[in-house]
Amino acid sequence: MKLIRRKSGTFTVPGDYLGVIEEFLPGGGTYIDDGIIYSSSTGHLLVDSHNRKISVYQKTNSPLIPKEGSLVLGTIVSIHNKNLNVRIFQIRDKPLFNPFNGIMHITDVRRGYVKTMLDVYQIGDIIRAKVISIKNREFHLSTQENELGVIHSKCSFCGDKLILSQNSLKCPQCNKPKWRKIASGYGKKDFIKLF
């Protein structure tokens, strides 16, 4: 345990002794263990003597990780009859340098019956989805809402970008309709692919 001078601006690392709960209220970037306040992050100490509060302002950014309720963008990397796997590359408008893996069960695709995942998605489709739960370090996704689903797709035969035509997608080369669970705003580029 490193003792530090309790002066605003002092550099701290996790585990640094900051004070006791009889002396200060714990603020952001701190934790309490047996009545003692410690730094929980790397950063600079802020001592608010007027309110008797002690905090640590982080020097480093916290890693960006999907949380329950987060809207994410990802590429479908594998499809099975009842589920699929997604490589999540963006959370809202923030691109990720290290993608996460997500999974989706057929019951979370849309409201109503879906016979097989291949009826609504294809490998390579870019989808907007919502994280509905995190279990066993896996991000479970859903596209049931109108603004969720495919936002970019290519023809599986010729590779041309599919265009929106009424309520389905159509390949301009093959001229055949392609069925997908389409997100509202399909075709608007709201993603940045980094790989």
Foldseek 3Di string as FASTA:
>chain_A
DDEDDQDWFDWFAFPYWRAFPVQADEDEQWDDDPRTITGHHTATWDQDNVRRHIYGDHPDDDADDADAFWKFKWFWADFDFFKTKTFTQGTQLRGDPHTDIAMEGNPQEEPDDDRGPQLADDGGFMWIWGFHDADPNHGYTHQHDQQTWGQWDADPPPRATWDDDPPFTAHPVVRDTHHHSDGPNRPDPSYDDDD
